[in-house]
PDB file of N, CA and C in Angstrom:
ATOM      1  N   UNK A   1     -31.983  -1.124  30.181  1.00  0.00           N
ATOM      2  CA  UNK A   1     -31.083  -0.467  29.244  1.00  0.00           C
ATOM      3  C   UNK A   1     -31.212  -1.170  27.889  1.00  0.00           C
ATOM      4  N   UNK A   2     -31.353  -0.386  26.817  1.00  0.00           N
ATOM      5  CA  UNK A   2     -31.509  -1.003  25.496  1.00  0.00           C
ATOM      6  C   UNK A   2     -30.154  -1.395  24.897  1.00  0.00           C
ATOM      7  N   UNK A   3     -30.205  -2.110  23.781  1.00  0.00           N
ATOM      8  CA  UNK A   3     -28.999  -2.636  23.146  1.00  0.00           C
ATOM      9  C   UNK A   3     -28.027  -1.524  22.755  1.00  0.00           C
ATOM     10  N   UNK A   4     -28.550  -0.415  22.221  1.00  0.00           N
ATOM     11  CA  UNK A   4     -27.690   0.699  21.819  1.00  0.00           C
ATOM     12  C   UNK A   4     -26.926   1.248  23.025  1.00  0.00           C
ATOM     13  N   UNK A   5     -27.629   1.451  24.129  1.00  0.00           N
ATOM     14  CA  UNK A   5     -26.972   1.977  25.327  1.00  0.00           C
ATOM     15  C   UNK A   5     -25.934   1.005  25.872  1.00  0.00           C
ATOM     16  N   UNK A   6     -26.225  -0.298  25.801  1.00  0.00           N
ATOM     17  CA  UNK A   6     -25.257  -1.294  26.253  1.00  0.00           C
ATOM     18  C   UNK A   6     -23.986  -1.232  25.424  1.00  0.00           C
ATOM     19  N   UNK A   7     -24.128  -1.068  24.107  1.00  0.00           N
ATOM     20  CA  UNK A   7     -22.966  -0.981  23.222  1.00  0.00           C
ATOM     21  C   UNK A   7     -22.164   0.286  23.517  1.00  0.00           C
ATOM     22  N   UNK A   8     -22.829   1.388  23.720  1.00  0.00           N
ATOM     23  CA  UNK A   8     -22.153   2.649  24.046  1.00  0.00           C
ATOM     24  C   UNK A   8     -21.376   2.493  25.348  1.00  0.00           C
ATOM     25  N   UNK A   9     -21.987   1.921  26.359  1.00  0.00           N
ATOM     26  CA  UNK A   9     -21.311   1.734  27.647  1.00  0.00           C
ATOM     27  C   UNK A   9     -20.149   0.753  27.532  1.00  0.00           C
ATOM     28  N   UNK A  10     -20.289  -0.275  26.684  1.00  0.00           N
ATOM     29  CA  UNK A  10     -19.199  -1.225  26.466  1.00  0.00           C
ATOM     30  C   UNK A  10     -18.003  -0.512  25.852  1.00  0.00           C
ATOM     31  N   UNK A  11     -18.247   0.336  24.850  1.00  0.00           N
ATOM     32  CA  UNK A  11     -17.156   1.065  24.200  1.00  0.00           C
ATOM     33  C   UNK A  11     -16.490   2.033  25.169  1.00  0.00           C
ATOM     34  N   UNK A  12     -17.288   2.739  25.971  1.00  0.00           N
ATOM     35  CA  UNK A  12     -16.702   3.665  26.948  1.00  0.00           C
ATOM     36  C   UNK A  12     -15.875   2.908  27.989  1.00  0.00           C
ATOM     37  N   UNK A  13     -16.377   1.757  28.435  1.00  0.00           N
ATOM     38  CA  UNK A  13     -15.637   0.958  29.425  1.00  0.00           C
ATOM     39  C   UNK A  13     -14.330   0.447  28.832  1.00  0.00           C
ATOM     40  N   UNK A  14     -14.372  -0.008  27.582  1.00  0.00           N
ATOM     41  CA  UNK A  14     -13.149  -0.477  26.923  1.00  0.00           C
ATOM     42  C   UNK A  14     -12.153   0.663  26.784  1.00  0.00           C
ATOM     43  N   UNK A  15     -12.632   1.832  26.381  1.00  0.00           N
ATOM     44  CA  UNK A  15     -11.747   2.992  26.241  1.00  0.00           C
ATOM     45  C   UNK A  15     -11.121   3.365  27.578  1.00  0.00           C
ATOM     46  N   UNK A  16     -11.918   3.410  28.615  1.00  0.00           N
ATOM     47  CA  UNK A  16     -11.403   3.752  29.944  1.00  0.00           C
ATOM     48  C   UNK A  16     -10.339   2.758  30.391  1.00  0.00           C
ATOM     49  N   UNK A  17     -10.585   1.493  30.131  1.00  0.00           N
ATOM     50  CA  UNK A  17      -9.605   0.452  30.490  1.00  0.00           C
ATOM     51  C   UNK A  17      -8.282   0.669  29.742  1.00  0.00           C
ATOM     52  N   UNK A  18      -8.375   0.969  28.457  1.00  0.00           N
ATOM     53  CA  UNK A  18      -7.163   1.216  27.656  1.00  0.00           C
ATOM     54  C   UNK A  18      -6.426   2.444  28.188  1.00  0.00           C
ATOM     55  N   UNK A  19      -7.146   3.516  28.501  1.00  0.00           N
ATOM     56  CA  UNK A  19      -6.517   4.738  28.999  1.00  0.00           C
ATOM     57  C   UNK A  19      -5.815   4.501  30.333  1.00  0.00           C
ATOM     58  N   UNK A  20      -6.421   3.668  31.177  1.00  0.00           N
ATOM     59  CA  UNK A  20      -5.806   3.371  32.472  1.00  0.00           C
ATOM     60  C   UNK A  20      -4.577   2.478  32.314  1.00  0.00           C
ATOM     61  N   UNK A  21      -4.670   1.515  31.416  1.00  0.00           N
ATOM     62  CA  UNK A  21      -3.573   0.562  31.219  1.00  0.00           C
ATOM     63  C   UNK A  21      -2.388   1.206  30.498  1.00  0.00           C
ATOM     64  N   UNK A  22      -2.677   2.104  29.549  1.00  0.00           N
ATOM     65  CA  UNK A  22      -1.643   2.768  28.751  1.00  0.00           C
ATOM     66  C   UNK A  22      -1.859   4.283  28.829  1.00  0.00           C
ATOM     67  N   UNK A  23      -1.546   4.901  29.970  1.00  0.00           N
ATOM     68  CA  UNK A  23      -1.898   6.310  30.187  1.00  0.00           C
ATOM     69  C   UNK A  23      -1.271   7.304  29.217  1.00  0.00           C
ATOM     70  N   UNK A  24      -0.165   6.957  28.597  1.00  0.00           N
ATOM     71  CA  UNK A  24       0.489   7.899  27.680  1.00  0.00           C
ATOM     72  C   UNK A  24       0.264   7.574  26.208  1.00  0.00           C
ATOM     73  N   UNK A  25      -0.548   6.576  25.929  1.00  0.00           N
ATOM     74  CA  UNK A  25      -0.742   6.137  24.543  1.00  0.00           C
ATOM     75  C   UNK A  25      -1.687   7.038  23.748  1.00  0.00           C
ATOM     76  N   UNK A  26      -2.610   7.683  24.433  1.00  0.00           N
ATOM     77  CA  UNK A  26      -3.606   8.523  23.766  1.00  0.00           C
ATOM     78  C   UNK A  26      -3.623   9.876  24.465  1.00  0.00           C
ATOM     79  N   UNK A  27      -3.532  10.944  23.693  1.00  0.00           N
ATOM     80  CA  UNK A  27      -3.527  12.285  24.295  1.00  0.00           C
ATOM     81  C   UNK A  27      -4.830  12.522  25.066  1.00  0.00           C
ATOM     82  N   UNK A  28      -4.770  13.399  26.021  1.00  0.00           N
ATOM     83  CA  UNK A  28      -5.958  13.734  26.832  1.00  0.00           C
ATOM     84  C   UNK A  28      -7.078  14.286  25.951  1.00  0.00           C
ATOM     85  N   UNK A  29      -6.716  15.082  24.938  1.00  0.00           N
ATOM     86  CA  UNK A  29      -7.735  15.635  24.032  1.00  0.00           C
ATOM     87  C   UNK A  29      -8.470  14.521  23.282  1.00  0.00           C
ATOM     88  N   UNK A  30      -7.703  13.539  22.767  1.00  0.00           N
ATOM     89  CA  UNK A  30      -8.352  12.441  22.054  1.00  0.00           C
ATOM     90  C   UNK A  30      -9.126  11.538  23.005  1.00  0.00           C
ATOM     91  N   UNK A  31      -8.649  11.388  24.238  1.00  0.00           N
ATOM     92  CA  UNK A  31      -9.406  10.614  25.226  1.00  0.00           C
ATOM     93  C   UNK A  31     -10.784  11.233  25.436  1.00  0.00           C
ATOM     94  N   UNK A  32     -10.829  12.544  25.590  1.00  0.00           N
ATOM     95  CA  UNK A  32     -12.113  13.235  25.785  1.00  0.00           C
ATOM     96  C   UNK A  32     -13.035  13.023  24.589  1.00  0.00           C
ATOM     97  N   UNK A  33     -12.480  13.118  23.387  1.00  0.00           N
ATOM     98  CA  UNK A  33     -13.283  12.910  22.171  1.00  0.00           C
ATOM     99  C   UNK A  33     -13.832  11.489  22.121  1.00  0.00           C
ATOM    100  N   UNK A  34     -12.989  10.512  22.419  1.00  0.00           N
ATOM    101  CA  UNK A  34     -13.426   9.115  22.379  1.00  0.00           C
ATOM    102  C   UNK A  34     -14.545   8.886  23.383  1.00  0.00           C
ATOM    103  N   UNK A  35     -14.393   9.389  24.605  1.00  0.00           N
ATOM    104  CA  UNK A  35     -15.427   9.199  25.621  1.00  0.00           C
ATOM    105  C   UNK A  35     -16.711   9.959  25.275  1.00  0.00           C
ATOM    106  N   UNK A  36     -16.599  11.011  24.460  1.00  0.00           N
ATOM    107  CA  UNK A  36     -17.774  11.734  23.969  1.00  0.00           C
ATOM    108  C   UNK A  36     -18.350  11.069  22.718  1.00  0.00           C
ATOM    109  N   UNK A  37     -17.702   9.977  22.283  1.00  0.00           N
ATOM    110  CA  UNK A  37     -18.127   9.214  21.099  1.00  0.00           C
ATOM    111  C   UNK A  37     -18.053  10.042  19.829  1.00  0.00           C
ATOM    112  N   UNK A  38     -16.978  10.819  19.722  1.00  0.00           N
ATOM    113  CA  UNK A  38     -16.749  11.663  18.555  1.00  0.00           C
ATOM    114  C   UNK A  38     -15.366  11.392  17.981  1.00  0.00           C
ATOM    115  N   UNK A  39     -15.303  11.160  16.692  1.00  0.00           N
ATOM    116  CA  UNK A  39     -14.048  10.899  15.995  1.00  0.00           C
ATOM    117  C   UNK A  39     -13.371  12.232  15.698  1.00  0.00           C
ATOM    118  N   UNK A  40     -12.029  12.239  15.765  1.00  0.00           N
ATOM    119  CA  UNK A  40     -11.290  13.465  15.485  1.00  0.00           C
ATOM    120  C   UNK A  40     -10.038  13.138  14.671  1.00  0.00           C
ATOM    121  N   UNK A  41      -9.533  14.142  13.988  1.00  0.00           N
ATOM    122  CA  UNK A  41      -8.305  14.012  13.212  1.00  0.00           C
ATOM    123  C   UNK A  41      -7.191  13.541  14.142  1.00  0.00           C
ATOM    124  N   UNK A  42      -6.385  12.592  13.654  1.00  0.00           N
ATOM    125  CA  UNK A  42      -5.258  12.076  14.416  1.00  0.00           C
ATOM    126  C   UNK A  42      -5.517  10.733  15.065  1.00  0.00           C
ATOM    127  N   UNK A  43      -6.785  10.316  15.133  1.00  0.00           N
ATOM    128  CA  UNK A  43      -7.088   9.007  15.721  1.00  0.00           C
ATOM    129  C   UNK A  43      -6.660   7.893  14.779  1.00  0.00           C
ATOM    130  N   UNK A  44      -6.273   6.753  15.341  1.00  0.00           N
ATOM    131  CA  UNK A  44      -6.002   5.574  14.524  1.00  0.00           C
ATOM    132  C   UNK A  44      -7.323   4.808  14.334  1.00  0.00           C
ATOM    133  N   UNK A  45      -7.339   3.758  13.524  1.00  0.00           N
ATOM    134  CA  UNK A  45      -8.602   3.050  13.273  1.00  0.00           C
ATOM    135  C   UNK A  45      -9.255   2.499  14.538  1.00  0.00           C
ATOM    136  N   UNK A  46      -8.465   2.009  15.467  1.00  0.00           N
ATOM    137  CA  UNK A  46      -9.025   1.459  16.702  1.00  0.00           C
ATOM    138  C   UNK A  46      -9.750   2.551  17.485  1.00  0.00           C
ATOM    139  N   UNK A  47      -9.097   3.696  17.644  1.00  0.00           N
ATOM    140  CA  UNK A  47      -9.710   4.808  18.374  1.00  0.00           C
ATOM    141  C   UNK A  47     -10.977   5.286  17.666  1.00  0.00           C
ATOM    142  N   UNK A  48     -10.918   5.387  16.332  1.00  0.00           N
ATOM    143  CA  UNK A  48     -12.076   5.853  15.568  1.00  0.00           C
ATOM    144  C   UNK A  48     -13.260   4.907  15.752  1.00  0.00           C
ATOM    145  N   UNK A  49     -12.995   3.612  15.751  1.00  0.00           N
ATOM    146  CA  UNK A  49     -14.085   2.643  15.917  1.00  0.00           C
ATOM    147  C   UNK A  49     -14.606   2.645  17.351  1.00  0.00           C
ATOM    148  N   UNK A  50     -13.739   2.880  18.339  1.00  0.00           N
ATOM    149  CA  UNK A  50     -14.218   3.027  19.722  1.00  0.00           C
ATOM    150  C   UNK A  50     -15.152   4.233  19.835  1.00  0.00           C
ATOM    151  N   UNK A  51     -14.758   5.323  19.216  1.00  0.00           N
ATOM    152  CA  UNK A  51     -15.554   6.547  19.294  1.00  0.00           C
ATOM    153  C   UNK A  51     -16.823   6.455  18.449  1.00  0.00           C
ATOM    154  N   UNK A  52     -16.701   5.930  17.245  1.00  0.00           N
ATOM    155  CA  UNK A  52     -17.818   5.979  16.302  1.00  0.00           C
ATOM    156  C   UNK A  52     -18.748   4.792  16.317  1.00  0.00           C
ATOM    157  N   UNK A  53     -18.286   3.666  16.822  1.00  0.00           N
ATOM    158  CA  UNK A  53     -19.135   2.475  16.850  1.00  0.00           C
ATOM    159  C   UNK A  53     -19.010   1.641  15.591  1.00  0.00           C
ATOM    160  N   UNK A  54     -20.079   0.946  15.283  1.00  0.00           N
ATOM    161  CA  UNK A  54     -20.100   0.037  14.134  1.00  0.00           C
ATOM    162  C   UNK A  54     -19.918   0.837  12.848  1.00  0.00           C
ATOM    163  N   UNK A  55     -19.137   0.269  11.925  1.00  0.00           N
ATOM    164  CA  UNK A  55     -18.913   0.965  10.663  1.00  0.00           C
ATOM    165  C   UNK A  55     -18.733  -0.046   9.532  1.00  0.00           C
ATOM    166  N   UNK A  56     -18.898   0.456   8.324  1.00  0.00           N
ATOM    167  CA  UNK A  56     -18.480  -0.308   7.154  1.00  0.00           C
ATOM    168  C   UNK A  56     -17.154   0.298   6.722  1.00  0.00           C
ATOM    169  N   UNK A  57     -16.411  -0.420   5.890  1.00  0.00           N
ATOM    170  CA  UNK A  57     -15.112   0.112   5.523  1.00  0.00           C
ATOM    171  C   UNK A  57     -14.682  -0.354   4.139  1.00  0.00           C
ATOM    172  N   UNK A  58     -13.732   0.408   3.602  1.00  0.00           N
ATOM    173  CA  UNK A  58     -13.058   0.073   2.344  1.00  0.00           C
ATOM    174  C   UNK A  58     -11.584   0.337   2.586  1.00  0.00           C
ATOM    175  N   UNK A  59     -10.749  -0.601   2.154  1.00  0.00           N
ATOM    176  CA  UNK A  59      -9.312  -0.466   2.384  1.00  0.00           C
ATOM    177  C   UNK A  59      -8.552  -0.661   1.078  1.00  0.00           C
ATOM    178  N   UNK A  60      -7.607   0.239   0.825  1.00  0.00           N
ATOM    179  CA  UNK A  60      -6.642   0.063  -0.241  1.00  0.00           C
ATOM    180  C   UNK A  60      -5.303  -0.147   0.450  1.00  0.00           C
ATOM    181  N   UNK A  61      -4.861  -1.420   0.556  1.00  0.00           N
ATOM    182  CA  UNK A  61      -3.621  -1.703   1.295  1.00  0.00           C
ATOM    183  C   UNK A  61      -2.384  -1.120   0.603  1.00  0.00           C
ATOM    184  N   UNK A  62      -1.410  -0.784   1.401  1.00  0.00           N
ATOM    185  CA  UNK A  62      -0.108  -0.342   0.920  1.00  0.00           C
ATOM    186  C   UNK A  62       0.512  -1.510   0.137  1.00  0.00           C
ATOM    187  N   UNK A  63       0.748  -1.316  -1.143  1.00  0.00           N
ATOM    188  CA  UNK A  63       1.250  -2.402  -2.004  1.00  0.00           C
ATOM    189  C   UNK A  63       2.655  -2.858  -1.633  1.00  0.00           C
ATOM    190  N   UNK A  64       3.411  -1.980  -1.008  1.00  0.00           N
ATOM    191  CA  UNK A  64       4.776  -2.355  -0.628  1.00  0.00           C
ATOM    192  C   UNK A  64       4.816  -3.209   0.632  1.00  0.00           C
ATOM    193  N   UNK A  65       3.749  -3.182   1.420  1.00  0.00           N
ATOM    194  CA  UNK A  65       3.727  -3.936   2.669  1.00  0.00           C
ATOM    195  C   UNK A  65       2.800  -5.144   2.619  1.00  0.00           C
ATOM    196  N   UNK A  66       1.686  -5.040   1.909  1.00  0.00           N
ATOM    197  CA  UNK A  66       0.653  -6.066   1.933  1.00  0.00           C
ATOM    198  C   UNK A  66       0.514  -6.748   0.583  1.00  0.00           C
ATOM    199  N   UNK A  67       0.295  -8.053   0.621  1.00  0.00           N
ATOM    200  CA  UNK A  67       0.089  -8.811  -0.614  1.00  0.00           C
ATOM    201  C   UNK A  67      -1.354  -8.634  -1.093  1.00  0.00           C
ATOM    202  N   UNK A  68      -1.601  -8.835  -2.385  1.00  0.00           N
ATOM    203  CA  UNK A  68      -2.982  -8.758  -2.875  1.00  0.00           C
ATOM    204  C   UNK A  68      -3.859  -9.759  -2.112  1.00  0.00           C
ATOM    205  N   UNK A  69      -5.029  -9.334  -1.741  1.00  0.00           N
ATOM    206  CA  UNK A  69      -5.929 -10.207  -1.001  1.00  0.00           C
ATOM    207  C   UNK A  69      -5.649 -10.260   0.488  1.00  0.00           C
ATOM    208  N   UNK A  70      -4.805  -9.342   0.989  1.00  0.00           N
ATOM    209  CA  UNK A  70      -4.497  -9.316   2.430  1.00  0.00           C
ATOM    210  C   UNK A  70      -5.782  -9.126   3.229  1.00  0.00           C
ATOM    211  N   UNK A  71      -5.811  -9.714   4.411  1.00  0.00           N
ATOM    212  CA  UNK A  71      -6.970  -9.600   5.291  1.00  0.00           C
ATOM    213  C   UNK A  71      -7.159  -8.122   5.663  1.00  0.00           C
ATOM    214  N   UNK A  72      -8.288  -7.520   5.294  1.00  0.00           N
ATOM    215  CA  UNK A  72      -8.472  -6.088   5.570  1.00  0.00           C
ATOM    216  C   UNK A  72      -8.478  -5.749   7.059  1.00  0.00           C
ATOM    217  N   UNK A  73      -8.923  -6.676   7.900  1.00  0.00           N
ATOM    218  CA  UNK A  73      -8.894  -6.422   9.345  1.00  0.00           C
ATOM    219  C   UNK A  73      -7.452  -6.350   9.856  1.00  0.00           C
ATOM    220  N   UNK A  74      -6.578  -7.197   9.315  1.00  0.00           N
ATOM    221  CA  UNK A  74      -5.171  -7.142   9.710  1.00  0.00           C
ATOM    222  C   UNK A  74      -4.531  -5.837   9.253  1.00  0.00           C
ATOM    223  N   UNK A  75      -4.865  -5.423   8.036  1.00  0.00           N
ATOM    224  CA  UNK A  75      -4.333  -4.152   7.523  1.00  0.00           C
ATOM    225  C   UNK A  75      -4.778  -3.009   8.436  1.00  0.00           C
ATOM    226  N   UNK A  76      -6.067  -2.976   8.766  1.00  0.00           N
ATOM    227  CA  UNK A  76      -6.604  -1.910   9.598  1.00  0.00           C
ATOM    228  C   UNK A  76      -5.999  -1.946  11.005  1.00  0.00           C
ATOM    229  N   UNK A  77      -5.930  -3.115  11.605  1.00  0.00           N
ATOM    230  CA  UNK A  77      -5.402  -3.225  12.966  1.00  0.00           C
ATOM    231  C   UNK A  77      -3.922  -2.863  13.044  1.00  0.00           C
ATOM    232  N   UNK A  78      -3.168  -3.141  11.994  1.00  0.00           N
ATOM    233  CA  UNK A  78      -1.730  -2.845  11.997  1.00  0.00           C
ATOM    234  C   UNK A  78      -1.446  -1.343  12.038  1.00  0.00           C
ATOM    235  N   UNK A  79      -2.397  -0.536  11.606  1.00  0.00           N
ATOM    236  CA  UNK A  79      -2.165   0.907  11.505  1.00  0.00           C
ATOM    237  C   UNK A  79      -1.925   1.568  12.862  1.00  0.00           C
ATOM    238  N   UNK A  80      -2.442   0.983  13.939  1.00  0.00           N
ATOM    239  CA  UNK A  80      -2.285   1.599  15.262  1.00  0.00           C
ATOM    240  C   UNK A  80      -0.820   1.672  15.687  1.00  0.00           C
ATOM    241  N   UNK A  81      -0.076   0.591  15.467  1.00  0.00           N
ATOM    242  CA  UNK A  81       1.327   0.554  15.905  1.00  0.00           C
ATOM    243  C   UNK A  81       2.331   0.698  14.774  1.00  0.00           C
ATOM    244  N   UNK A  82       1.931   0.295  13.573  1.00  0.00           N
ATOM    245  CA  UNK A  82       2.846   0.320  12.430  1.00  0.00           C
ATOM    246  C   UNK A  82       2.136   0.908  11.212  1.00  0.00           C
ATOM    247  N   UNK A  83       1.845   2.210  11.238  1.00  0.00           N
ATOM    248  CA  UNK A  83       1.135   2.813  10.105  1.00  0.00           C
ATOM    249  C   UNK A  83       1.944   2.707   8.823  1.00  0.00           C
ATOM    250  N   UNK A  84       1.218   2.571   7.729  1.00  0.00           N
ATOM    251  CA  UNK A  84       1.861   2.490   6.420  1.00  0.00           C
ATOM    252  C   UNK A  84       1.091   3.368   5.444  1.00  0.00           C
ATOM    253  N   UNK A  85       1.262   3.133   4.169  1.00  0.00           N
ATOM    254  CA  UNK A  85       0.611   3.957   3.155  1.00  0.00           C
ATOM    255  C   UNK A  85      -0.741   3.422   2.707  1.00  0.00           C
ATOM    256  N   UNK A  86      -1.358   2.565   3.524  1.00  0.00           N
ATOM    257  CA  UNK A  86      -2.705   2.094   3.217  1.00  0.00           C
ATOM    258  C   UNK A  86      -3.684   3.255   3.350  1.00  0.00           C
ATOM    259  N   UNK A  87      -4.742   3.218   2.546  1.00  0.00           N
ATOM    260  CA  UNK A  87      -5.827   4.187   2.682  1.00  0.00           C
ATOM    261  C   UNK A  87      -7.044   3.431   3.177  1.00  0.00           C
ATOM    262  N   UNK A  88      -7.716   3.990   4.175  1.00  0.00           N
ATOM    263  CA  UNK A  88      -8.860   3.336   4.794  1.00  0.00           C
ATOM    264  C   UNK A  88     -10.003   4.339   4.861  1.00  0.00           C
ATOM    265  N   UNK A  89     -11.165   3.904   4.405  1.00  0.00           N
ATOM    266  CA  UNK A  89     -12.381   4.695   4.508  1.00  0.00           C
ATOM    267  C   UNK A  89     -13.328   3.966   5.442  1.00  0.00           C
ATOM    268  N   UNK A  90     -13.753   4.637   6.504  1.00  0.00           N
ATOM    269  CA  UNK A  90     -14.726   4.082   7.442  1.00  0.00           C
ATOM    270  C   UNK A  90     -16.009   4.897   7.309  1.00  0.00           C
ATOM    271  N   UNK A  91     -17.144   4.228   7.228  1.00  0.00           N
ATOM    272  CA  UNK A  91     -18.422   4.927   7.151  1.00  0.00           C
ATOM    273  C   UNK A  91     -19.237   4.584   8.388  1.00  0.00           C
ATOM    274  N   UNK A  92     -19.644   5.610   9.104  1.00  0.00           N
ATOM    275  CA  UNK A  92     -20.387   5.478  10.351  1.00  0.00           C
ATOM    276  C   UNK A  92     -21.761   6.119  10.210  1.00  0.00           C
ATOM    277  N   UNK A  93     -22.652   5.710  11.087  1.00  0.00           N
ATOM    278  CA  UNK A  93     -23.936   6.394  11.246  1.00  0.00           C
ATOM    279  C   UNK A  93     -24.230   6.405  12.746  1.00  0.00           C
ATOM    280  N   UNK A  94     -24.239   7.593  13.325  1.00  0.00           N
ATOM    281  CA  UNK A  94     -24.540   7.704  14.751  1.00  0.00           C
ATOM    282  C   UNK A  94     -25.129   9.080  15.047  1.00  0.00           C
ATOM    283  N   UNK A  95     -25.511   9.262  16.296  1.00  0.00           N
ATOM    284  CA  UNK A  95     -26.066  10.556  16.700  1.00  0.00           C
ATOM    285  C   UNK A  95     -25.148  11.291  17.670  1.00  0.00           C
ATOM    286  N   UNK A  96     -23.870  10.876  17.704  1.00  0.00           N
ATOM    287  CA  UNK A  96     -22.923  11.495  18.635  1.00  0.00           C
ATOM    288  C   UNK A  96     -21.835  12.331  17.963  1.00  0.00           C
ATOM    289  N   UNK A  97     -21.557  12.072  16.698  1.00  0.00           N
ATOM    290  CA  UNK A  97     -20.484  12.809  16.020  1.00  0.00           C
ATOM    291  C   UNK A  97     -20.824  14.288  15.889  1.00  0.00           C
ATOM    292  N   UNK A  98     -22.083  14.557  15.563  1.00  0.00           N
ATOM    293  CA  UNK A  98     -22.553  15.939  15.410  1.00  0.00           C
ATOM    294  C   UNK A  98     -23.703  16.143  16.395  1.00  0.00           C
ATOM    295  N   UNK A  99     -23.394  16.462  17.653  1.00  0.00           N
ATOM    296  CA  UNK A  99     -24.437  16.567  18.683  1.00  0.00           C
ATOM    297  C   UNK A  99     -25.561  17.524  18.286  1.00  0.00           C
ATOM    298  N   UNK A 100     -26.770  17.109  18.596  1.00  0.00           N
ATOM    299  CA  UNK A 100     -27.933  17.941  18.326  1.00  0.00           C
ATOM    300  C   UNK A 100     -28.472  17.827  16.916  1.00  0.00           C
ATOM    301  N   UNK A 101     -27.798  17.068  16.057  1.00  0.00           N
ATOM    302  CA  UNK A 101     -28.237  16.964  14.662  1.00  0.00           C
ATOM    303  C   UNK A 101     -28.938  15.648  14.363  1.00  0.00           C
ATOM    304  N   UNK A 102     -29.010  14.771  15.352  1.00  0.00           N
ATOM    305  CA  UNK A 102     -29.674  13.488  15.146  1.00  0.00           C
ATOM    306  C   UNK A 102     -28.768  12.504  14.431  1.00  0.00           C
ATOM    307  N   UNK A 103     -29.375  11.450  13.939  1.00  0.00           N
ATOM    308  CA  UNK A 103     -28.640  10.381  13.269  1.00  0.00           C
ATOM    309  C   UNK A 103     -27.994  10.920  11.992  1.00  0.00           C
ATOM    310  N   UNK A 104     -26.677  10.795  11.899  1.00  0.00           N
ATOM    311  CA  UNK A 104     -25.920  11.351  10.782  1.00  0.00           C
ATOM    312  C   UNK A 104     -24.967  10.298  10.236  1.00  0.00           C
ATOM    313  N   UNK A 105     -24.862  10.236   8.920  1.00  0.00           N
ATOM    314  CA  UNK A 105     -23.930   9.326   8.257  1.00  0.00           C
ATOM    315  C   UNK A 105     -22.729  10.138   7.795  1.00  0.00           C
ATOM    316  N   UNK A 106     -21.539   9.595   8.052  1.00  0.00           N
ATOM    317  CA  UNK A 106     -20.320  10.314   7.677  1.00  0.00           C
ATOM    318  C   UNK A 106     -19.201   9.314   7.377  1.00  0.00           C
ATOM    319  N   UNK A 107     -18.239   9.779   6.603  1.00  0.00           N
ATOM    320  CA  UNK A 107     -17.094   8.967   6.206  1.00  0.00           C
ATOM    321  C   UNK A 107     -15.828   9.559   6.813  1.00  0.00           C
ATOM    322  N   UNK A 108     -14.953   8.649   7.227  1.00  0.00           N
ATOM    323  CA  UNK A 108     -13.677   9.026   7.816  1.00  0.00           C
ATOM    324  C   UNK A 108     -12.576   8.454   6.933  1.00  0.00           C
ATOM    325  N   UNK A 109     -11.654   9.288   6.484  1.00  0.00           N
ATOM    326  CA  UNK A 109     -10.523   8.846   5.678  1.00  0.00           C
ATOM    327  C   UNK A 109      -9.291   8.788   6.564  1.00  0.00           C
ATOM    328  N   UNK A 110      -8.630   7.630   6.573  1.00  0.00           N
ATOM    329  CA  UNK A 110      -7.380   7.462   7.307  1.00  0.00           C
ATOM    330  C   UNK A 110      -6.240   7.326   6.311  1.00  0.00           C
ATOM    331  N   UNK A 111      -5.203   8.119   6.507  1.00  0.00           N
ATOM    332  CA  UNK A 111      -4.004   8.088   5.682  1.00  0.00           C
ATOM    333  C   UNK A 111      -2.816   7.976   6.633  1.00  0.00           C
ATOM    334  N   UNK A 112      -1.879   7.114   6.280  1.00  0.00           N
ATOM    335  CA  UNK A 112      -0.724   6.869   7.162  1.00  0.00           C
ATOM    336  C   UNK A 112      -1.174   6.472   8.569  1.00  0.00           C
ATOM    337  N   UNK A 113      -2.259   5.712   8.626  1.00  0.00           N
ATOM    338  CA  UNK A 113      -2.719   5.154   9.886  1.00  0.00           C
ATOM    339  C   UNK A 113      -3.498   6.083  10.788  1.00  0.00           C
ATOM    340  N   UNK A 114      -3.777   7.306  10.343  1.00  0.00           N
ATOM    341  CA  UNK A 114      -4.470   8.268  11.197  1.00  0.00           C
ATOM    342  C   UNK A 114      -5.607   8.951  10.443  1.00  0.00           C
ATOM    343  N   UNK A 115      -6.632   9.366  11.200  1.00  0.00           N
ATOM    344  CA  UNK A 115      -7.751  10.094  10.600  1.00  0.00           C
ATOM    345  C   UNK A 115      -7.218  11.397  10.024  1.00  0.00           C
ATOM    346  N   UNK A 116      -7.470  11.576   8.734  1.00  0.00           N
ATOM    347  CA  UNK A 116      -7.040  12.787   8.044  1.00  0.00           C
ATOM    348  C   UNK A 116      -8.221  13.684   7.682  1.00  0.00           C
ATOM    349  N   UNK A 117      -9.416  13.056   7.526  1.00  0.00           N
ATOM    350  CA  UNK A 117     -10.572  13.821   7.058  1.00  0.00           C
ATOM    351  C   UNK A 117     -11.851  13.155   7.552  1.00  0.00           C
ATOM    352  N   UNK A 118     -12.814  13.968   7.953  1.00  0.00           N
ATOM    353  CA  UNK A 118     -14.134  13.509   8.358  1.00  0.00           C
ATOM    354  C   UNK A 118     -15.143  14.280   7.528  1.00  0.00           C
ATOM    355  N   UNK A 119     -16.005  13.566   6.838  1.00  0.00           N
ATOM    356  CA  UNK A 119     -16.910  14.235   5.918  1.00  0.00           C
ATOM    357  C   UNK A 119     -18.317  13.680   6.046  1.00  0.00           C
ATOM    358  N   UNK A 120     -19.259  14.563   6.304  1.00  0.00           N
ATOM    359  CA  UNK A 120     -20.667  14.149   6.367  1.00  0.00           C
ATOM    360  C   UNK A 120     -21.133  13.770   4.963  1.00  0.00           C
ATOM    361  N   UNK A 121     -21.893  12.705   4.884  1.00  0.00           N
ATOM    362  CA  UNK A 121     -22.447  12.294   3.598  1.00  0.00           C
ATOM    363  C   UNK A 121     -23.737  13.070   3.397  1.00  0.00           C
ATOM    364  N   UNK A 122     -23.847  13.714   2.236  1.00  0.00           N
ATOM    365  CA  UNK A 122     -25.027  14.529   1.952  1.00  0.00           C
ATOM    366  C   UNK A 122     -26.284  13.684   1.976  1.00  0.00           C
ATOM    367  N   UNK A 123     -27.304  14.231   2.587  1.00  0.00           N
ATOM    368  CA  UNK A 123     -28.604  13.555   2.628  1.00  0.00           C
ATOM    369  C   UNK A 123     -29.339  13.818   1.317  1.00  0.00           C
ATOM    370  N   UNK A 124     -30.002  12.801   0.842  1.00  0.00           N
ATOM    371  CA  UNK A 124     -30.734  12.935  -0.428  1.00  0.00           C
ATOM    372  C   UNK A 124     -32.147  13.396  -0.148  1.00  0.00           C
TER     373      UNK A 124
END
């Protein structure tokens, strides 16, 4: 098994463990999307990263909650249980978000702690 497949199986195993441990935390529809490795509207950053894999990100923290220079990982992780007005952009590249289209780069915008928009980045 190659490294990519190992990472995919690790993410699926982690997701399955979370679903079993917290059966009511994630809707059945979002569980199916995560296991299919596809991000969908309504996911929090943790779910999006489980589904999409490795990503780069940009965060504009909520000024009323976070001090300047706040750790961006803490801001992102807090959104799962305590969403705020931070804006988070995650950029992924995978071959699972748009099945049959091959390797695709796309950006995910999270507002109030949840995926609000998924946009494919135009190829040059």
